Amino acid sequence: SNRLVLSDFQIADLQQVAVPAVSIALLGMVESL
């Protein structure tokens, strides 16, 4: 029920999570590889 609904987000929301998203991607990249 707590799933992602892209239509509920604004551009400002993307800006706020951009840096954490990079951290998640880098961490996932390093750990998995």
Full PDB file with SEQRES, HELIX, SHEET, SSBOND, CRYST1, ORIGX, SCALE, CONECT and MASTER records, all heavy atoms in Angstrom:
SEQRES   1 A   33  SER ASN ARG LEU VAL LEU SER ASP PHE GLN ILE ALA ASP          
SEQRES   2 A   33  LEU GLN GLN VAL ALA VAL PRO ALA VAL SER ILE ALA LEU          
SEQRES   3 A   33  LEU GLY MET VAL GLU SER LEU                                  
HELIX    1 AA1 LEU A    6  ASP A    8  5                                   3    
HELIX    2 AA2 ILE A   11  SER A   32  1                                  22    
CRYST1    1.000    1.000    1.000  90.00  90.00  90.00 P 1           1          
ORIGX1      1.000000  0.000000  0.000000        0.00000                         
ORIGX2      0.000000  1.000000  0.000000        0.00000                         
ORIGX3      0.000000  0.000000  1.000000        0.00000                         
SCALE1      1.000000  0.000000  0.000000        0.00000                         
SCALE2      0.000000  1.000000  0.000000        0.00000                         
SCALE3      0.000000  0.000000  1.000000        0.00000                         
ATOM      1  N   SER A   1       0.840  -1.204   0.000  1.00  0.00           N  
ATOM      2  CA  SER A   1       0.000   0.000   0.000  1.00  0.00           C  
ATOM      3  C   SER A   1       0.876   1.256   0.000  1.00  0.00           C  
ATOM      4  O   SER A   1       0.473   2.306  -0.502  1.00  0.00           O  
ATOM      5  CB  SER A   1      -0.918  -0.005   1.223  1.00  0.00           C  
ATOM      6  OG  SER A   1      -0.163  -0.088   2.422  1.00  0.00           O  
ATOM      7  N   ASN A   2       2.087   1.148   0.569  1.00  0.00           N  
ATOM      8  CA  ASN A   2       3.050   2.263   0.548  1.00  0.00           C  
ATOM      9  C   ASN A   2       3.954   2.128  -0.674  1.00  0.00           C  
ATOM     10  O   ASN A   2       5.149   1.862  -0.565  1.00  0.00           O  
ATOM     11  CB  ASN A   2       3.909   2.252   1.821  1.00  0.00           C  
ATOM     12  CG  ASN A   2       3.140   2.723   3.024  1.00  0.00           C  
ATOM     13  OD1 ASN A   2       2.284   3.582   2.914  1.00  0.00           O  
ATOM     14  ND2 ASN A   2       3.438   2.160   4.172  1.00  0.00           N  
ATOM     15  N   ARG A   3       3.386   2.290  -1.842  1.00  0.00           N  
ATOM     16  CA  ARG A   3       4.168   2.154  -3.069  1.00  0.00           C  
ATOM     17  C   ARG A   3       4.348   3.516  -3.730  1.00  0.00           C  
ATOM     18  O   ARG A   3       3.661   4.489  -3.408  1.00  0.00           O  
ATOM     19  CB  ARG A   3       3.501   1.179  -4.036  1.00  0.00           C  
ATOM     20  CG  ARG A   3       2.089   1.557  -4.454  1.00  0.00           C  
ATOM     21  CD  ARG A   3       1.507   0.475  -5.361  1.00  0.00           C  
ATOM     22  NE  ARG A   3       0.148   0.785  -5.776  1.00  0.00           N  
ATOM     23  CZ  ARG A   3      -0.924   0.446  -5.096  1.00  0.00           C  
ATOM     24  NH1 ARG A   3      -0.803  -0.209  -3.951  1.00  0.00           N  
ATOM     25  NH2 ARG A   3      -2.133   0.748  -5.532  1.00  0.00           N  
ATOM     26  N   LEU A   4       5.264   3.560  -4.663  1.00  0.00           N  
ATOM     27  CA  LEU A   4       5.611   4.810  -5.320  1.00  0.00           C  
ATOM     28  C   LEU A   4       4.542   5.217  -6.331  1.00  0.00           C  
ATOM     29  O   LEU A   4       4.168   4.432  -7.199  1.00  0.00           O  
ATOM     30  CB  LEU A   4       6.959   4.660  -6.036  1.00  0.00           C  
ATOM     31  CG  LEU A   4       7.477   5.900  -6.761  1.00  0.00           C  
ATOM     32  CD1 LEU A   4       7.764   7.018  -5.777  1.00  0.00           C  
ATOM     33  CD2 LEU A   4       8.732   5.565  -7.556  1.00  0.00           C  
ATOM     34  N   VAL A   5       4.054   6.443  -6.201  1.00  0.00           N  
ATOM     35  CA  VAL A   5       3.108   7.013  -7.167  1.00  0.00           C  
ATOM     36  C   VAL A   5       3.756   8.287  -7.707  1.00  0.00           C  
ATOM     37  O   VAL A   5       3.794   9.322  -7.034  1.00  0.00           O  
ATOM     38  CB  VAL A   5       1.750   7.332  -6.509  1.00  0.00           C  
ATOM     39  CG1 VAL A   5       0.788   7.907  -7.553  1.00  0.00           C  
ATOM     40  CG2 VAL A   5       1.158   6.082  -5.872  1.00  0.00           C  
ATOM     41  N   LEU A   6       4.306   8.205  -8.910  1.00  0.00           N  
ATOM     42  CA  LEU A   6       5.084   9.313  -9.457  1.00  0.00           C  
ATOM     43  C   LEU A   6       4.264  10.586  -9.624  1.00  0.00           C  
ATOM     44  O   LEU A   6       4.789  11.694  -9.517  1.00  0.00           O  
ATOM     45  CB  LEU A   6       5.692   8.905 -10.805  1.00  0.00           C  
ATOM     46  CG  LEU A   6       6.791   7.839 -10.743  1.00  0.00           C  
ATOM     47  CD1 LEU A   6       7.235   7.461 -12.147  1.00  0.00           C  
ATOM     48  CD2 LEU A   6       7.979   8.322  -9.936  1.00  0.00           C  
ATOM     49  N   SER A   7       2.963  10.434  -9.874  1.00  0.00           N  
ATOM     50  CA  SER A   7       2.127  11.617 -10.086  1.00  0.00           C  
ATOM     51  C   SER A   7       1.965  12.456  -8.822  1.00  0.00           C  
ATOM     52  O   SER A   7       1.570  13.618  -8.888  1.00  0.00           O  
ATOM     53  CB  SER A   7       0.744  11.191 -10.603  1.00  0.00           C  
ATOM     54  OG  SER A   7       0.105  10.334  -9.668  1.00  0.00           O  
ATOM     55  N   ASP A   8       2.297  11.870  -7.653  1.00  0.00           N  
ATOM     56  CA  ASP A   8       2.147  12.595  -6.395  1.00  0.00           C  
ATOM     57  C   ASP A   8       3.341  13.483  -6.078  1.00  0.00           C  
ATOM     58  O   ASP A   8       3.323  14.235  -5.103  1.00  0.00           O  
ATOM     59  CB  ASP A   8       1.950  11.606  -5.237  1.00  0.00           C  
ATOM     60  CG  ASP A   8       0.601  10.890  -5.327  1.00  0.00           C  
ATOM     61  OD1 ASP A   8      -0.254  11.366  -6.093  1.00  0.00           O  
ATOM     62  OD2 ASP A   8       0.434   9.867  -4.643  1.00  0.00           O  
ATOM     63  N   PHE A   9       4.391  13.408  -6.887  1.00  0.00           N  
ATOM     64  CA  PHE A   9       5.614  14.138  -6.577  1.00  0.00           C  
ATOM     65  C   PHE A   9       5.790  15.343  -7.494  1.00  0.00           C  
ATOM     66  O   PHE A   9       5.343  15.347  -8.635  1.00  0.00           O  
ATOM     67  CB  PHE A   9       6.835  13.215  -6.705  1.00  0.00           C  
ATOM     68  CG  PHE A   9       6.878  12.138  -5.656  1.00  0.00           C  
ATOM     69  CD1 PHE A   9       6.351  10.880  -5.905  1.00  0.00           C  
ATOM     70  CD2 PHE A   9       7.431  12.388  -4.410  1.00  0.00           C  
ATOM     71  CE1 PHE A   9       6.388   9.885  -4.944  1.00  0.00           C  
ATOM     72  CE2 PHE A   9       7.473  11.408  -3.439  1.00  0.00           C  
ATOM     73  CZ  PHE A   9       6.946  10.154  -3.704  1.00  0.00           C  
ATOM     74  N   GLN A  10       6.470  16.344  -6.974  1.00  0.00           N  
ATOM     75  CA  GLN A  10       6.778  17.557  -7.723  1.00  0.00           C  
ATOM     76  C   GLN A  10       8.291  17.613  -8.000  1.00  0.00           C  
ATOM     77  O   GLN A  10       9.069  16.827  -7.451  1.00  0.00           O  
ATOM     78  CB  GLN A  10       6.350  18.801  -6.928  1.00  0.00           C  
ATOM     79  CG  GLN A  10       4.912  18.762  -6.453  1.00  0.00           C  
ATOM     80  CD  GLN A  10       3.911  18.749  -7.600  1.00  0.00           C  
ATOM     81  OE1 GLN A  10       4.157  19.356  -8.640  1.00  0.00           O  
ATOM     82  NE2 GLN A  10       2.793  18.067  -7.403  1.00  0.00           N  
ATOM     83  N   ILE A  11       8.688  18.558  -8.838  1.00  0.00           N  
ATOM     84  CA  ILE A  11      10.106  18.719  -9.156  1.00  0.00           C  
ATOM     85  C   ILE A  11      10.913  19.010  -7.891  1.00  0.00           C  
ATOM     86  O   ILE A  11      12.046  18.537  -7.731  1.00  0.00           O  
ATOM     87  CB  ILE A  11      10.306  19.855 -10.177  1.00  0.00           C  
ATOM     88  CG1 ILE A  11       9.597  19.525 -11.493  1.00  0.00           C  
ATOM     89  CG2 ILE A  11      11.788  20.108 -10.416  1.00  0.00           C  
ATOM     90  CD1 ILE A  11      10.125  18.288 -12.171  1.00  0.00           C  
ATOM     91  N   ALA A  12      10.319  19.763  -6.971  1.00  0.00           N  
ATOM     92  CA  ALA A  12      11.016  20.083  -5.719  1.00  0.00           C  
ATOM     93  C   ALA A  12      11.336  18.819  -4.927  1.00  0.00           C  
ATOM     94  O   ALA A  12      12.382  18.739  -4.261  1.00  0.00           O  
ATOM     95  CB  ALA A  12      10.167  21.028  -4.879  1.00  0.00           C  
ATOM     96  N   ASP A  13      10.440  17.834  -4.997  1.00  0.00           N  
ATOM     97  CA  ASP A  13      10.685  16.576  -4.294  1.00  0.00           C  
ATOM     98  C   ASP A  13      11.901  15.855  -4.873  1.00  0.00           C  
ATOM     99  O   ASP A  13      12.699  15.265  -4.129  1.00  0.00           O  
ATOM    100  CB  ASP A  13       9.452  15.663  -4.389  1.00  0.00           C  
ATOM    101  CG  ASP A  13       8.234  16.266  -3.701  1.00  0.00           C  
ATOM    102  OD1 ASP A  13       8.425  16.920  -2.657  1.00  0.00           O  
ATOM    103  OD2 ASP A  13       7.116  16.085  -4.212  1.00  0.00           O  
ATOM    104  N   LEU A  14      12.037  15.897  -6.189  1.00  0.00           N  
ATOM    105  CA  LEU A  14      13.187  15.267  -6.843  1.00  0.00           C  
ATOM    106  C   LEU A  14      14.483  15.926  -6.412  1.00  0.00           C  
ATOM    107  O   LEU A  14      15.491  15.254  -6.188  1.00  0.00           O  
ATOM    108  CB  LEU A  14      13.031  15.348  -8.366  1.00  0.00           C  
ATOM    109  CG  LEU A  14      11.881  14.555  -8.984  1.00  0.00           C  
ATOM    110  CD1 LEU A  14      11.778  14.848 -10.476  1.00  0.00           C  
ATOM    111  CD2 LEU A  14      12.093  13.059  -8.761  1.00  0.00           C  
ATOM    112  N   GLN A  15      14.462  17.240  -6.274  1.00  0.00           N  
ATOM    113  CA  GLN A  15      15.663  17.963  -5.867  1.00  0.00           C  
ATOM    114  C   GLN A  15      16.084  17.591  -4.444  1.00  0.00           C  
ATOM    115  O   GLN A  15      17.275  17.493  -4.145  1.00  0.00           O  
ATOM    116  CB  GLN A  15      15.429  19.466  -5.969  1.00  0.00           C  
ATOM    117  CG  GLN A  15      15.209  19.959  -7.408  1.00  0.00           C  
ATOM    118  CD  GLN A  15      14.828  21.425  -7.474  1.00  0.00           C  
ATOM    119  OE1 GLN A  15      14.396  22.003  -6.480  1.00  0.00           O  
ATOM    120  NE2 GLN A  15      14.981  22.036  -8.637  1.00  0.00           N  
ATOM    121  N   GLN A  16      15.103  17.364  -3.580  1.00  0.00           N  
ATOM    122  CA  GLN A  16      15.411  17.053  -2.188  1.00  0.00           C  
ATOM    123  C   GLN A  16      16.031  15.664  -2.022  1.00  0.00           C  
ATOM    124  O   GLN A  16      16.832  15.449  -1.100  1.00  0.00           O  
ATOM    125  CB  GLN A  16      14.143  17.153  -1.338  1.00  0.00           C  
ATOM    126  CG  GLN A  16      13.630  18.577  -1.176  1.00  0.00           C  
ATOM    127  CD  GLN A  16      12.348  18.628  -0.378  1.00  0.00           C  
ATOM    128  OE1 GLN A  16      11.765  17.596  -0.057  1.00  0.00           O  
ATOM    129  NE2 GLN A  16      11.903  19.835  -0.039  1.00  0.00           N  
ATOM    130  N   VAL A  17      15.671  14.724  -2.888  1.00  0.00           N  
ATOM    131  CA  VAL A  17      16.171  13.347  -2.737  1.00  0.00           C  
ATOM    132  C   VAL A  17      17.296  13.032  -3.711  1.00  0.00           C  
ATOM    133  O   VAL A  17      17.791  11.903  -3.737  1.00  0.00           O  
ATOM    134  CB  VAL A  17      15.027  12.323  -2.932  1.00  0.00           C  
ATOM    135  CG1 VAL A  17      13.939  12.530  -1.892  1.00  0.00           C  
ATOM    136  CG2 VAL A  17      14.455  12.397  -4.339  1.00  0.00           C  
ATOM    137  N   ALA A  18      17.714  14.004  -4.508  1.00  0.00           N  
ATOM    138  CA  ALA A  18      18.742  13.739  -5.526  1.00  0.00           C  
ATOM    139  C   ALA A  18      20.061  13.310  -4.876  1.00  0.00           C  
ATOM    140  O   ALA A  18      20.672  12.320  -5.302  1.00  0.00           O  
ATOM    141  CB  ALA A  18      18.949  14.980  -6.390  1.00  0.00           C  
ATOM    142  N   VAL A  19      20.511  14.039  -3.852  1.00  0.00           N  
ATOM    143  CA  VAL A  19      21.782  13.705  -3.197  1.00  0.00           C  
ATOM    144  C   VAL A  19      21.704  12.352  -2.485  1.00  0.00           C  
ATOM    145  O   VAL A  19      22.605  11.508  -2.655  1.00  0.00           O  
ATOM    146  CB  VAL A  19      22.203  14.823  -2.225  1.00  0.00           C  
ATOM    147  CG1 VAL A  19      23.438  14.397  -1.434  1.00  0.00           C  
ATOM    148  CG2 VAL A  19      22.482  16.105  -2.992  1.00  0.00           C  
ATOM    149  N   PRO A  20      20.644  12.083  -1.681  1.00  0.00           N  
ATOM    150  CA  PRO A  20      20.542  10.736  -1.084  1.00  0.00           C  
ATOM    151  C   PRO A  20      20.463   9.634  -2.138  1.00  0.00           C  
ATOM    152  O   PRO A  20      20.995   8.541  -1.922  1.00  0.00           O  
ATOM    153  CB  PRO A  20      19.238  10.810  -0.277  1.00  0.00           C  
ATOM    154  CG  PRO A  20      19.049  12.251   0.010  1.00  0.00           C  
ATOM    155  CD  PRO A  20      19.584  12.978  -1.172  1.00  0.00           C  
ATOM    156  N   ALA A  21      19.831   9.920  -3.279  1.00  0.00           N  
ATOM    157  CA  ALA A  21      19.735   8.918  -4.335  1.00  0.00           C  
ATOM    158  C   ALA A  21      21.109   8.566  -4.885  1.00  0.00           C  
ATOM    159  O   ALA A  21      21.397   7.392  -5.175  1.00  0.00           O  
ATOM    160  CB  ALA A  21      18.833   9.420  -5.462  1.00  0.00           C  
ATOM    161  N   VAL A  22      21.965   9.565  -5.026  1.00  0.00           N  
ATOM    162  CA  VAL A  22      23.342   9.308  -5.476  1.00  0.00           C  
ATOM    163  C   VAL A  22      24.074   8.445  -4.447  1.00  0.00           C  
ATOM    164  O   VAL A  22      24.802   7.511  -4.805  1.00  0.00           O  
ATOM    165  CB  VAL A  22      24.093  10.631  -5.704  1.00  0.00           C  
ATOM    166  CG1 VAL A  22      25.575  10.370  -5.978  1.00  0.00           C  
ATOM    167  CG2 VAL A  22      23.471  11.400  -6.863  1.00  0.00           C  
ATOM    168  N   SER A  23      23.884   8.755  -3.165  1.00  0.00           N  
ATOM    169  CA  SER A  23      24.511   7.962  -2.102  1.00  0.00           C  
ATOM    170  C   SER A  23      24.041   6.517  -2.149  1.00  0.00           C  
ATOM    171  O   SER A  23      24.838   5.584  -2.004  1.00  0.00           O  
ATOM    172  CB  SER A  23      24.202   8.574  -0.729  1.00  0.00           C  
ATOM    173  OG  SER A  23      24.675   9.896  -0.641  1.00  0.00           O  
ATOM    174  N   ILE A  24      22.731   6.317  -2.339  1.00  0.00           N  
ATOM    175  CA  ILE A  24      22.180   4.968  -2.421  1.00  0.00           C  
ATOM    176  C   ILE A  24      22.764   4.230  -3.617  1.00  0.00           C  
ATOM    177  O   ILE A  24      23.148   3.054  -3.525  1.00  0.00           O  
ATOM    178  CB  ILE A  24      20.642   5.027  -2.517  1.00  0.00           C  
ATOM    179  CG1 ILE A  24      20.044   5.539  -1.215  1.00  0.00           C  
ATOM    180  CG2 ILE A  24      20.071   3.650  -2.849  1.00  0.00           C  
ATOM    181  CD1 ILE A  24      18.562   5.819  -1.280  1.00  0.00           C  
ATOM    182  N   ALA A  25      22.846   4.912  -4.758  1.00  0.00           N  
ATOM    183  CA  ALA A  25      23.376   4.280  -5.971  1.00  0.00           C  
ATOM    184  C   ALA A  25      24.840   3.894  -5.792  1.00  0.00           C  
ATOM    185  O   ALA A  25      25.242   2.773  -6.151  1.00  0.00           O  
ATOM    186  CB  ALA A  25      23.215   5.227  -7.160  1.00  0.00           C  
ATOM    187  N   LEU A  26      25.643   4.792  -5.218  1.00  0.00           N  
ATOM    188  CA  LEU A  26      27.059   4.499  -5.023  1.00  0.00           C  
ATOM    189  C   LEU A  26      27.257   3.355  -4.036  1.00  0.00           C  
ATOM    190  O   LEU A  26      28.097   2.474  -4.243  1.00  0.00           O  
ATOM    191  CB  LEU A  26      27.797   5.746  -4.537  1.00  0.00           C  
ATOM    192  CG  LEU A  26      27.942   6.880  -5.558  1.00  0.00           C  
ATOM    193  CD1 LEU A  26      28.585   8.102  -4.910  1.00  0.00           C  
ATOM    194  CD2 LEU A  26      28.768   6.418  -6.757  1.00  0.00           C  
ATOM    195  N   LEU A  27      26.470   3.378  -2.954  1.00  0.00           N  
ATOM    196  CA  LEU A  27      26.577   2.319  -1.959  1.00  0.00           C  
ATOM    197  C   LEU A  27      26.164   0.979  -2.563  1.00  0.00           C  
ATOM    198  O   LEU A  27      26.825  -0.046  -2.363  1.00  0.00           O  
ATOM    199  CB  LEU A  27      25.712   2.647  -0.747  1.00  0.00           C  
ATOM    200  CG  LEU A  27      25.680   1.606   0.376  1.00  0.00           C  
ATOM    201  CD1 LEU A  27      27.088   1.332   0.884  1.00  0.00           C  
ATOM    202  CD2 LEU A  27      24.791   2.088   1.521  1.00  0.00           C  
ATOM    203  N   GLY A  28      25.050   0.986  -3.315  1.00  0.00           N  
ATOM    204  CA  GLY A  28      24.608  -0.244  -3.968  1.00  0.00           C  
ATOM    205  C   GLY A  28      25.626  -0.753  -4.970  1.00  0.00           C  
ATOM    206  O   GLY A  28      25.861  -1.961  -5.086  1.00  0.00           O  
ATOM    207  N   MET A  29      26.255   0.175  -5.686  1.00  0.00           N  
ATOM    208  CA  MET A  29      27.259  -0.198  -6.679  1.00  0.00           C  
ATOM    209  C   MET A  29      28.460  -0.862  -6.008  1.00  0.00           C  
ATOM    210  O   MET A  29      28.888  -1.955  -6.400  1.00  0.00           O  
ATOM    211  CB  MET A  29      27.710   1.042  -7.447  1.00  0.00           C  
ATOM    212  CG  MET A  29      28.769   0.762  -8.509  1.00  0.00           C  
ATOM    213  SD  MET A  29      29.434   2.278  -9.256  1.00  0.00           S  
ATOM    214  CE  MET A  29      27.936   3.011  -9.935  1.00  0.00           C  
ATOM    215  N   VAL A  30      28.997  -0.207  -4.981  1.00  0.00           N  
ATOM    216  CA  VAL A  30      30.189  -0.725  -4.318  1.00  0.00           C  
ATOM    217  C   VAL A  30      29.910  -2.068  -3.653  1.00  0.00           C  
ATOM    218  O   VAL A  30      30.658  -3.038  -3.817  1.00  0.00           O  
ATOM    219  CB  VAL A  30      30.706   0.294  -3.282  1.00  0.00           C  
ATOM    220  CG1 VAL A  30      31.820  -0.306  -2.435  1.00  0.00           C  
ATOM    221  CG2 VAL A  30      31.205   1.551  -3.974  1.00  0.00           C  
ATOM    222  N   GLU A  31      28.818  -2.140  -2.880  1.00  0.00           N  
ATOM    223  CA  GLU A  31      28.520  -3.368  -2.139  1.00  0.00           C  
ATOM    224  C   GLU A  31      28.263  -4.545  -3.073  1.00  0.00           C  
ATOM    225  O   GLU A  31      28.800  -5.633  -2.896  1.00  0.00           O  
ATOM    226  CB  GLU A  31      27.308  -3.145  -1.232  1.00  0.00           C  
ATOM    227  CG  GLU A  31      27.632  -2.426   0.051  1.00  0.00           C  
ATOM    228  CD  GLU A  31      26.801  -2.943   1.201  1.00  0.00           C  
ATOM    229  OE1 GLU A  31      25.679  -3.393   0.944  1.00  0.00           O  
ATOM    230  OE2 GLU A  31      27.285  -2.908   2.339  1.00  0.00           O  
ATOM    231  N   SER A  32      27.415  -4.346  -4.088  1.00  0.00           N  
ATOM    232  CA  SER A  32      27.048  -5.454  -4.959  1.00  0.00           C  
ATOM    233  C   SER A  32      28.233  -5.948  -5.776  1.00  0.00           C  
ATOM    234  O   SER A  32      28.439  -7.166  -5.918  1.00  0.00           O  
ATOM    235  CB  SER A  32      25.904  -5.034  -5.889  1.00  0.00           C  
ATOM    236  OG  SER A  32      26.309  -3.964  -6.724  1.00  0.00           O  
ATOM    237  N   LEU A  33      29.046  -5.020  -6.281  1.00  0.00           N  
ATOM    238  CA  LEU A  33      30.168  -5.432  -7.110  1.00  0.00           C  
ATOM    239  C   LEU A  33      31.277  -6.086  -6.289  1.00  0.00           C  
ATOM    240  O   LEU A  33      31.899  -7.058  -6.730  1.00  0.00           O  
ATOM    241  CB  LEU A  33      30.724  -4.236  -7.888  1.00  0.00           C  
ATOM    242  CG  LEU A  33      29.771  -3.614  -8.913  1.00  0.00           C  
ATOM    243  CD1 LEU A  33      30.492  -2.561  -9.742  1.00  0.00           C  
ATOM    244  CD2 LEU A  33      29.173  -4.674  -9.832  1.00  0.00           C  
TER     245      LEU A  33                                                      
MASTER        0    0    0    2    0    0    0    6  244    1    0    3          
END                                                                             
